[in-house]
Amino acid sequence: MVLMSDDVWLNDEQQRAWVRFISVVERLPGVLDTQLQHDADLTHFDYLTLAMLSEAPDRTLRMTELALVTNATLPRLSHVVSRLEKRGFIERSPSTDDRRATNARLTDAGWEKVGATAPGHVGTVRDYVIDPLDAQDVEDLHRVMGKILAKLDPEHGLRVQR
């Protein structure tokens, strides 16, 4: 039998923080998905994909870059982009710079969908995340999430880390 030292376990304060953090991690995606499904017939990941393209130059990104900015694997992203393509929100084409690469471009219909969906999504984010916090809390949230992201993404591959 292997005995673990006490320093392996979380102390009471760390345990309380961890339980709250994991509760947010588990519950927030459902809140975001519910609002987006109800108001826009989109999942949160669908919306994130459209939103990232809406912020890109010419509303276009290589699929590999889109995977990075949405924190997705290429297979997952390809599946979602196929669904959004069928709905007329995205179109794919070979890259003009590298024919082996594929670009995803937000269509005019996709641009309109993002514009129509954004206010409700931002309202939900404000309601559940931003408004309960004061300015110092928001700054602290940014700082703390930065530390956690630095550990999760040490090579700063995510755009949010760059």
N, C-alpha and C. Protein backbone atom coordinates (compact mmCIF):
# COMPACT_ATOMS: atom_id res chain seq x y z
N MET A 1 0.84 -1.18 0.00
CA MET A 1 0.00 0.00 0.00
C MET A 1 0.89 1.25 0.00
N VAL A 2 0.55 2.17 -0.89
CA VAL A 2 1.32 3.42 -0.99
C VAL A 2 0.61 4.49 -0.17
N LEU A 3 1.36 5.11 0.71
CA LEU A 3 0.80 6.20 1.51
C LEU A 3 1.15 7.53 0.86
N MET A 4 0.16 8.41 0.77
CA MET A 4 0.40 9.73 0.19
C MET A 4 0.64 10.73 1.29
N SER A 5 1.54 11.65 1.01
CA SER A 5 1.80 12.69 2.00
C SER A 5 0.67 13.72 1.98
N ASP A 6 0.58 14.48 3.03
CA ASP A 6 -0.48 15.49 3.14
C ASP A 6 -0.39 16.56 2.07
N ASP A 7 0.80 16.81 1.52
CA ASP A 7 0.93 17.88 0.53
C ASP A 7 0.32 17.52 -0.82
N VAL A 8 -0.12 16.28 -0.99
CA VAL A 8 -0.81 15.88 -2.22
C VAL A 8 -2.24 16.42 -2.23
N TRP A 9 -2.84 16.52 -1.07
CA TRP A 9 -4.24 16.91 -0.97
C TRP A 9 -4.40 18.42 -0.96
N LEU A 10 -5.57 18.86 -1.37
CA LEU A 10 -5.90 20.29 -1.32
C LEU A 10 -6.26 20.66 0.12
N ASN A 11 -5.82 21.84 0.54
CA ASN A 11 -6.26 22.30 1.85
C ASN A 11 -7.71 22.79 1.72
N ASP A 12 -8.33 23.15 2.83
CA ASP A 12 -9.75 23.53 2.80
C ASP A 12 -10.03 24.70 1.86
N GLU A 13 -9.19 25.72 1.90
CA GLU A 13 -9.40 26.89 1.03
C GLU A 13 -9.24 26.51 -0.44
N GLN A 14 -8.22 25.72 -0.75
CA GLN A 14 -8.01 25.27 -2.13
C GLN A 14 -9.17 24.40 -2.60
N GLN A 15 -9.65 23.53 -1.74
CA GLN A 15 -10.78 22.66 -2.08
C GLN A 15 -12.04 23.47 -2.37
N ARG A 16 -12.32 24.48 -1.54
CA ARG A 16 -13.49 25.33 -1.77
C ARG A 16 -13.37 26.06 -3.11
N ALA A 17 -12.18 26.60 -3.40
CA ALA A 17 -11.96 27.31 -4.67
C ALA A 17 -12.12 26.35 -5.85
N TRP A 18 -11.55 25.15 -5.73
CA TRP A 18 -11.63 24.17 -6.81
C TRP A 18 -13.08 23.78 -7.08
N VAL A 19 -13.85 23.51 -6.03
CA VAL A 19 -15.24 23.10 -6.22
C VAL A 19 -16.05 24.21 -6.89
N ARG A 20 -15.82 25.44 -6.51
CA ARG A 20 -16.52 26.55 -7.17
C ARG A 20 -16.09 26.68 -8.63
N PHE A 21 -14.79 26.60 -8.86
CA PHE A 21 -14.29 26.71 -10.23
C PHE A 21 -14.89 25.63 -11.12
N ILE A 22 -14.83 24.38 -10.68
CA ILE A 22 -15.34 23.29 -11.50
C ILE A 22 -16.85 23.39 -11.68
N SER A 23 -17.55 23.93 -10.71
CA SER A 23 -19.00 24.14 -10.86
C SER A 23 -19.28 25.14 -11.98
N VAL A 24 -18.49 26.20 -12.05
CA VAL A 24 -18.65 27.18 -13.14
C VAL A 24 -18.30 26.52 -14.47
N VAL A 25 -17.19 25.79 -14.52
CA VAL A 25 -16.76 25.13 -15.76
C VAL A 25 -17.84 24.17 -16.27
N GLU A 26 -18.52 23.51 -15.37
CA GLU A 26 -19.56 22.55 -15.76
C GLU A 26 -20.88 23.22 -16.12
N ARG A 27 -21.26 24.29 -15.43
CA ARG A 27 -22.59 24.89 -15.63
C ARG A 27 -22.64 25.97 -16.71
N LEU A 28 -21.59 26.75 -16.85
CA LEU A 28 -21.63 27.86 -17.79
C LEU A 28 -21.86 27.43 -19.24
N PRO A 29 -21.19 26.38 -19.72
CA PRO A 29 -21.48 25.98 -21.11
C PRO A 29 -22.95 25.67 -21.37
N GLY A 30 -23.62 25.06 -20.41
CA GLY A 30 -25.04 24.76 -20.58
C GLY A 30 -25.89 26.01 -20.65
N VAL A 31 -25.55 27.00 -19.83
CA VAL A 31 -26.27 28.28 -19.86
C VAL A 31 -26.09 28.96 -21.22
N LEU A 32 -24.85 28.98 -21.71
CA LEU A 32 -24.58 29.62 -23.00
C LEU A 32 -25.25 28.87 -24.14
N ASP A 33 -25.16 27.53 -24.12
CA ASP A 33 -25.80 26.73 -25.16
C ASP A 33 -27.31 26.90 -25.16
N THR A 34 -27.91 26.91 -23.98
CA THR A 34 -29.37 27.03 -23.89
C THR A 34 -29.85 28.32 -24.52
N GLN A 35 -29.20 29.43 -24.18
CA GLN A 35 -29.60 30.72 -24.75
C GLN A 35 -29.43 30.73 -26.26
N LEU A 36 -28.29 30.26 -26.73
CA LEU A 36 -28.02 30.29 -28.18
C LEU A 36 -28.93 29.33 -28.94
N GLN A 37 -29.19 28.16 -28.38
CA GLN A 37 -30.11 27.22 -29.04
C GLN A 37 -31.51 27.82 -29.14
N HIS A 38 -31.96 28.40 -28.03
CA HIS A 38 -33.30 28.98 -27.99
C HIS A 38 -33.44 30.17 -28.93
N ASP A 39 -32.49 31.09 -28.88
CA ASP A 39 -32.60 32.34 -29.63
C ASP A 39 -32.12 32.26 -31.08
N ALA A 40 -31.15 31.36 -31.36
CA ALA A 40 -30.51 31.41 -32.68
C ALA A 40 -30.34 30.05 -33.34
N ASP A 41 -30.79 28.97 -32.69
CA ASP A 41 -30.61 27.63 -33.23
C ASP A 41 -29.13 27.34 -33.51
N LEU A 42 -28.27 27.76 -32.58
CA LEU A 42 -26.83 27.52 -32.67
C LEU A 42 -26.34 26.97 -31.34
N THR A 43 -25.29 26.16 -31.39
CA THR A 43 -24.59 25.79 -30.16
C THR A 43 -23.59 26.91 -29.86
N HIS A 44 -23.06 26.89 -28.65
CA HIS A 44 -22.03 27.88 -28.31
C HIS A 44 -20.82 27.72 -29.23
N PHE A 45 -20.45 26.49 -29.53
CA PHE A 45 -19.31 26.29 -30.43
C PHE A 45 -19.62 26.77 -31.85
N ASP A 46 -20.85 26.56 -32.33
CA ASP A 46 -21.24 27.11 -33.63
C ASP A 46 -21.04 28.62 -33.64
N TYR A 47 -21.57 29.26 -32.59
CA TYR A 47 -21.48 30.72 -32.51
C TYR A 47 -20.02 31.18 -32.43
N LEU A 48 -19.21 30.50 -31.61
CA LEU A 48 -17.81 30.87 -31.50
C LEU A 48 -17.10 30.77 -32.85
N THR A 49 -17.41 29.74 -33.59
CA THR A 49 -16.81 29.57 -34.93
C THR A 49 -17.20 30.73 -35.84
N LEU A 50 -18.47 31.07 -35.87
CA LEU A 50 -18.93 32.19 -36.70
C LEU A 50 -18.32 33.51 -36.22
N ALA A 51 -18.27 33.71 -34.90
CA ALA A 51 -17.75 34.96 -34.35
C ALA A 51 -16.26 35.13 -34.67
N MET A 52 -15.49 34.06 -34.58
CA MET A 52 -14.06 34.16 -34.88
C MET A 52 -13.84 34.50 -36.35
N LEU A 53 -14.66 33.94 -37.22
CA LEU A 53 -14.56 34.31 -38.64
C LEU A 53 -14.99 35.76 -38.86
N SER A 54 -15.97 36.22 -38.11
CA SER A 54 -16.45 37.60 -38.29
C SER A 54 -15.39 38.62 -37.92
N GLU A 55 -14.45 38.24 -37.05
CA GLU A 55 -13.38 39.14 -36.62
C GLU A 55 -12.12 39.03 -37.46
N ALA A 56 -12.07 38.06 -38.37
CA ALA A 56 -10.88 37.82 -39.18
C ALA A 56 -10.85 38.75 -40.40
N PRO A 57 -9.66 39.06 -40.90
CA PRO A 57 -9.57 39.84 -42.13
C PRO A 57 -10.33 39.13 -43.26
N ASP A 58 -11.12 39.88 -43.97
CA ASP A 58 -11.96 39.34 -45.05
C ASP A 58 -12.88 38.22 -44.58
N ARG A 59 -13.11 38.16 -43.25
CA ARG A 59 -13.98 37.14 -42.66
C ARG A 59 -13.55 35.73 -43.06
N THR A 60 -12.21 35.53 -43.20
CA THR A 60 -11.65 34.28 -43.69
C THR A 60 -10.46 33.85 -42.83
N LEU A 61 -10.42 32.57 -42.51
CA LEU A 61 -9.26 31.98 -41.82
C LEU A 61 -8.98 30.60 -42.41
N ARG A 62 -7.72 30.20 -42.37
CA ARG A 62 -7.39 28.81 -42.67
C ARG A 62 -8.04 27.95 -41.61
N MET A 63 -8.43 26.77 -41.98
CA MET A 63 -9.07 25.86 -41.02
C MET A 63 -8.15 25.61 -39.83
N THR A 64 -6.84 25.50 -40.05
CA THR A 64 -5.92 25.25 -38.94
C THR A 64 -5.91 26.43 -37.97
N GLU A 65 -5.96 27.65 -38.48
CA GLU A 65 -6.00 28.83 -37.61
C GLU A 65 -7.35 28.92 -36.90
N LEU A 66 -8.42 28.60 -37.61
CA LEU A 66 -9.75 28.61 -37.00
C LEU A 66 -9.82 27.58 -35.87
N ALA A 67 -9.18 26.45 -36.05
CA ALA A 67 -9.13 25.44 -34.98
C ALA A 67 -8.41 26.00 -33.75
N LEU A 68 -7.34 26.73 -33.98
CA LEU A 68 -6.60 27.33 -32.85
C LEU A 68 -7.44 28.35 -32.10
N VAL A 69 -8.10 29.23 -32.81
CA VAL A 69 -8.84 30.31 -32.14
C VAL A 69 -10.14 29.83 -31.50
N THR A 70 -10.60 28.65 -31.90
CA THR A 70 -11.80 28.08 -31.28
C THR A 70 -11.47 26.95 -30.30
N ASN A 71 -10.18 26.69 -30.11
CA ASN A 71 -9.73 25.63 -29.19
C ASN A 71 -10.26 24.26 -29.60
N ALA A 72 -10.32 24.00 -30.89
CA ALA A 72 -10.92 22.75 -31.38
C ALA A 72 -9.89 21.89 -32.10
N THR A 73 -10.16 20.60 -32.15
CA THR A 73 -9.39 19.73 -33.02
C THR A 73 -9.89 19.95 -34.45
N LEU A 74 -9.06 19.65 -35.42
CA LEU A 74 -9.50 19.79 -36.81
C LEU A 74 -10.70 18.90 -37.14
N PRO A 75 -10.74 17.65 -36.66
CA PRO A 75 -11.94 16.84 -36.97
C PRO A 75 -13.23 17.44 -36.40
N ARG A 76 -13.18 17.92 -35.16
CA ARG A 76 -14.38 18.52 -34.57
C ARG A 76 -14.77 19.78 -35.35
N LEU A 77 -13.78 20.62 -35.65
CA LEU A 77 -14.07 21.85 -36.38
C LEU A 77 -14.63 21.53 -37.77
N SER A 78 -14.05 20.56 -38.45
CA SER A 78 -14.52 20.20 -39.79
C SER A 78 -15.99 19.78 -39.75
N HIS A 79 -16.35 19.01 -38.74
CA HIS A 79 -17.75 18.57 -38.59
C HIS A 79 -18.68 19.78 -38.39
N VAL A 80 -18.28 20.69 -37.53
CA VAL A 80 -19.11 21.88 -37.25
C VAL A 80 -19.18 22.78 -38.48
N VAL A 81 -18.05 22.99 -39.13
CA VAL A 81 -18.04 23.83 -40.33
C VAL A 81 -18.92 23.21 -41.42
N SER A 82 -18.91 21.90 -41.55
CA SER A 82 -19.80 21.24 -42.53
C SER A 82 -21.26 21.56 -42.23
N ARG A 83 -21.64 21.49 -40.96
CA ARG A 83 -23.02 21.82 -40.57
C ARG A 83 -23.35 23.27 -40.89
N LEU A 84 -22.43 24.17 -40.56
CA LEU A 84 -22.67 25.60 -40.80
C LEU A 84 -22.64 25.91 -42.29
N GLU A 85 -21.86 25.16 -43.04
CA GLU A 85 -21.80 25.32 -44.49
C GLU A 85 -23.15 24.93 -45.11
N LYS A 86 -23.74 23.85 -44.62
CA LYS A 86 -25.06 23.41 -45.12
C LYS A 86 -26.13 24.46 -44.85
N ARG A 87 -25.96 25.22 -43.80
CA ARG A 87 -26.92 26.27 -43.46
C ARG A 87 -26.63 27.59 -44.19
N GLY A 88 -25.54 27.61 -44.94
CA GLY A 88 -25.21 28.79 -45.74
C GLY A 88 -24.44 29.87 -44.98
N PHE A 89 -23.89 29.55 -43.81
CA PHE A 89 -23.19 30.54 -43.00
C PHE A 89 -21.70 30.60 -43.27
N ILE A 90 -21.13 29.52 -43.77
CA ILE A 90 -19.70 29.43 -44.06
C ILE A 90 -19.53 28.76 -45.40
N GLU A 91 -18.45 29.15 -46.11
CA GLU A 91 -18.06 28.39 -47.29
C GLU A 91 -16.57 28.11 -47.21
N ARG A 92 -16.20 26.93 -47.70
CA ARG A 92 -14.79 26.53 -47.71
C ARG A 92 -14.25 26.56 -49.13
N SER A 93 -12.96 26.87 -49.21
CA SER A 93 -12.29 26.87 -50.50
C SER A 93 -10.80 26.63 -50.29
N PRO A 94 -10.12 26.15 -51.33
CA PRO A 94 -8.67 25.98 -51.19
C PRO A 94 -8.00 27.34 -50.98
N SER A 95 -6.96 27.35 -50.19
CA SER A 95 -6.21 28.58 -49.95
C SER A 95 -5.51 29.01 -51.24
N THR A 96 -5.52 30.29 -51.51
CA THR A 96 -4.80 30.79 -52.70
C THR A 96 -3.29 30.80 -52.46
N ASP A 97 -2.87 30.82 -51.19
CA ASP A 97 -1.44 30.81 -50.84
C ASP A 97 -0.87 29.40 -50.83
N ASP A 98 -1.66 28.43 -50.45
CA ASP A 98 -1.21 27.05 -50.30
C ASP A 98 -2.38 26.14 -50.62
N ARG A 99 -2.36 25.54 -51.81
CA ARG A 99 -3.47 24.73 -52.28
C ARG A 99 -3.75 23.52 -51.38
N ARG A 100 -2.79 23.15 -50.51
CA ARG A 100 -3.02 22.04 -49.59
C ARG A 100 -3.89 22.46 -48.41
N ALA A 101 -3.94 23.76 -48.16
CA ALA A 101 -4.71 24.30 -47.04
C ALA A 101 -6.12 24.67 -47.49
N THR A 102 -7.04 24.66 -46.54
CA THR A 102 -8.42 25.04 -46.82
C THR A 102 -8.78 26.26 -45.99
N ASN A 103 -9.42 27.21 -46.63
CA ASN A 103 -9.92 28.40 -45.94
C ASN A 103 -11.40 28.23 -45.63
N ALA A 104 -11.81 28.83 -44.53
CA ALA A 104 -13.23 28.94 -44.20
C ALA A 104 -13.56 30.43 -44.23
N ARG A 105 -14.65 30.77 -44.91
CA ARG A 105 -15.05 32.17 -45.03
C ARG A 105 -16.49 32.33 -44.56
N LEU A 106 -16.72 33.35 -43.77
CA LEU A 106 -18.07 33.67 -43.32
C LEU A 106 -18.83 34.30 -44.49
N THR A 107 -19.97 33.74 -44.83
CA THR A 107 -20.78 34.28 -45.92
C THR A 107 -21.56 35.51 -45.42
N ASP A 108 -22.22 36.18 -46.34
CA ASP A 108 -23.07 37.31 -45.94
C ASP A 108 -24.17 36.83 -44.98
N ALA A 109 -24.73 35.66 -45.25
CA ALA A 109 -25.75 35.11 -44.35
C ALA A 109 -25.16 34.81 -42.97
N GLY A 110 -23.93 34.33 -42.94
CA GLY A 110 -23.24 34.09 -41.68
C GLY A 110 -22.98 35.38 -40.93
N TRP A 111 -22.58 36.41 -41.65
CA TRP A 111 -22.36 37.73 -41.05
C TRP A 111 -23.64 38.26 -40.42
N GLU A 112 -24.74 38.12 -41.13
CA GLU A 112 -26.04 38.54 -40.61
C GLU A 112 -26.43 37.73 -39.38
N LYS A 113 -26.14 36.42 -39.40
CA LYS A 113 -26.46 35.55 -38.27
C LYS A 113 -25.68 35.98 -37.03
N VAL A 114 -24.39 36.27 -37.20
CA VAL A 114 -23.58 36.73 -36.06
C VAL A 114 -24.13 38.04 -35.52
N GLY A 115 -24.45 38.96 -36.42
CA GLY A 115 -24.97 40.26 -36.00
C GLY A 115 -26.30 40.15 -35.25
N ALA A 116 -27.14 39.24 -35.71
CA ALA A 116 -28.44 39.05 -35.06
C ALA A 116 -28.31 38.30 -33.74
N THR A 117 -27.31 37.45 -33.63
CA THR A 117 -27.14 36.59 -32.46
C THR A 117 -26.34 37.26 -31.35
N ALA A 118 -25.40 38.10 -31.71
CA ALA A 118 -24.46 38.68 -30.74
C ALA A 118 -25.13 39.39 -29.56
N PRO A 119 -26.14 40.22 -29.77
CA PRO A 119 -26.71 40.92 -28.61
C PRO A 119 -27.25 39.99 -27.52
N GLY A 120 -27.94 38.94 -27.90
CA GLY A 120 -28.46 37.99 -26.92
C GLY A 120 -27.35 37.24 -26.21
N HIS A 121 -26.33 36.85 -26.97
CA HIS A 121 -25.20 36.14 -26.38
C HIS A 121 -24.45 37.04 -25.41
N VAL A 122 -24.16 38.27 -25.83
CA VAL A 122 -23.47 39.21 -24.94
C VAL A 122 -24.31 39.48 -23.69
N GLY A 123 -25.61 39.58 -23.86
CA GLY A 123 -26.48 39.77 -22.71
C GLY A 123 -26.38 38.63 -21.71
N THR A 124 -26.29 37.39 -22.22
CA THR A 124 -26.15 36.24 -21.34
C THR A 124 -24.79 36.25 -20.64
N VAL A 125 -23.74 36.57 -21.39
CA VAL A 125 -22.40 36.66 -20.80
C VAL A 125 -22.37 37.73 -19.72
N ARG A 126 -22.97 38.88 -20.02
CA ARG A 126 -23.01 39.96 -19.01
C ARG A 126 -23.79 39.49 -17.79
N ASP A 127 -24.95 38.90 -18.02
CA ASP A 127 -25.83 38.51 -16.92
C ASP A 127 -25.18 37.48 -15.99
N TYR A 128 -24.53 36.48 -16.56
CA TYR A 128 -24.01 35.38 -15.76
C TYR A 128 -22.54 35.52 -15.35
N VAL A 129 -21.76 36.34 -16.07
CA VAL A 129 -20.33 36.40 -15.78
C VAL A 129 -19.86 37.80 -15.41
N ILE A 130 -20.18 38.80 -16.21
CA ILE A 130 -19.59 40.13 -16.02
C ILE A 130 -20.33 40.96 -14.97
N ASP A 131 -21.65 41.05 -15.07
CA ASP A 131 -22.39 41.94 -14.17
C ASP A 131 -22.30 41.58 -12.68
N PRO A 132 -22.17 40.29 -12.31
CA PRO A 132 -22.02 40.01 -10.87
C PRO A 132 -20.67 40.47 -10.30
N LEU A 133 -19.75 40.88 -11.17
CA LEU A 133 -18.40 41.26 -10.75
C LEU A 133 -18.24 42.77 -10.76
N ASP A 134 -17.37 43.28 -9.89
CA ASP A 134 -16.99 44.68 -9.99
C ASP A 134 -15.75 44.77 -10.88
N ALA A 135 -15.27 45.99 -11.12
CA ALA A 135 -14.14 46.19 -12.04
C ALA A 135 -12.90 45.42 -11.57
N GLN A 136 -12.65 45.40 -10.27
CA GLN A 136 -11.49 44.68 -9.74
C GLN A 136 -11.65 43.17 -9.95
N ASP A 137 -12.87 42.67 -9.76
CA ASP A 137 -13.13 41.25 -9.99
C ASP A 137 -12.84 40.87 -11.45
N VAL A 138 -13.27 41.72 -12.38
CA VAL A 138 -13.04 41.45 -13.80
C VAL A 138 -11.54 41.42 -14.08
N GLU A 139 -10.82 42.37 -13.52
CA GLU A 139 -9.37 42.40 -13.68
C GLU A 139 -8.74 41.13 -13.08
N ASP A 140 -9.21 40.74 -11.90
CA ASP A 140 -8.71 39.53 -11.25
C ASP A 140 -9.04 38.28 -12.06
N LEU A 141 -10.25 38.22 -12.60
CA LEU A 141 -10.65 37.09 -13.44
C LEU A 141 -9.71 36.97 -14.63
N HIS A 142 -9.44 38.09 -15.28
CA HIS A 142 -8.53 38.11 -16.43
C HIS A 142 -7.15 37.61 -16.03
N ARG A 143 -6.65 38.10 -14.92
CA ARG A 143 -5.31 37.73 -14.44
C ARG A 143 -5.25 36.24 -14.09
N VAL A 144 -6.22 35.76 -13.34
CA VAL A 144 -6.23 34.36 -12.91
C VAL A 144 -6.39 33.43 -14.11
N MET A 145 -7.31 33.74 -15.01
CA MET A 145 -7.50 32.90 -16.19
C MET A 145 -6.24 32.90 -17.06
N GLY A 146 -5.53 34.03 -17.10
CA GLY A 146 -4.26 34.09 -17.82
C GLY A 146 -3.24 33.12 -17.25
N LYS A 147 -3.17 33.03 -15.94
CA LYS A 147 -2.24 32.09 -15.31
C LYS A 147 -2.61 30.64 -15.64
N ILE A 148 -3.89 30.33 -15.58
CA ILE A 148 -4.33 28.96 -15.87
C ILE A 148 -4.10 28.65 -17.35
N LEU A 149 -4.42 29.59 -18.23
CA LEU A 149 -4.19 29.37 -19.66
C LEU A 149 -2.71 29.20 -19.98
N ALA A 150 -1.85 29.93 -19.29
CA ALA A 150 -0.41 29.79 -19.52
C ALA A 150 0.05 28.37 -19.21
N LYS A 151 -0.55 27.76 -18.20
CA LYS A 151 -0.21 26.38 -17.85
C LYS A 151 -0.81 25.41 -18.86
N LEU A 152 -2.05 25.66 -19.30
CA LEU A 152 -2.72 24.78 -20.26
C LEU A 152 -2.15 24.93 -21.67
N ASP A 153 -1.64 26.10 -21.98
CA ASP A 153 -1.15 26.43 -23.34
C ASP A 153 0.23 27.08 -23.23
N PRO A 154 1.25 26.31 -22.79
CA PRO A 154 2.56 26.91 -22.53
C PRO A 154 3.24 27.47 -23.78
N GLU A 155 2.84 27.01 -24.95
CA GLU A 155 3.46 27.51 -26.17
C GLU A 155 2.67 28.67 -26.78
N HIS A 156 1.64 29.11 -26.09
CA HIS A 156 0.83 30.24 -26.51
C HIS A 156 0.27 30.07 -27.93
N GLY A 157 -0.24 28.87 -28.20
CA GLY A 157 -0.84 28.60 -29.50
C GLY A 157 -2.20 29.23 -29.66
N LEU A 158 -2.89 29.45 -28.54
CA LEU A 158 -4.21 30.08 -28.61
C LEU A 158 -4.06 31.56 -28.87
N ARG A 159 -4.93 32.12 -29.70
CA ARG A 159 -4.85 33.54 -30.01
C ARG A 159 -4.98 34.38 -28.74
N VAL A 160 -5.80 33.96 -27.82
CA VAL A 160 -6.02 34.71 -26.59
C VAL A 160 -4.72 34.83 -25.77
N GLN A 161 -3.77 33.93 -26.00
CA GLN A 161 -2.49 33.93 -25.30
C GLN A 161 -1.44 34.79 -26.00
N ARG A 162 -1.71 35.17 -27.25
CA ARG A 162 -0.69 35.90 -28.01
C ARG A 162 -0.74 37.38 -27.74
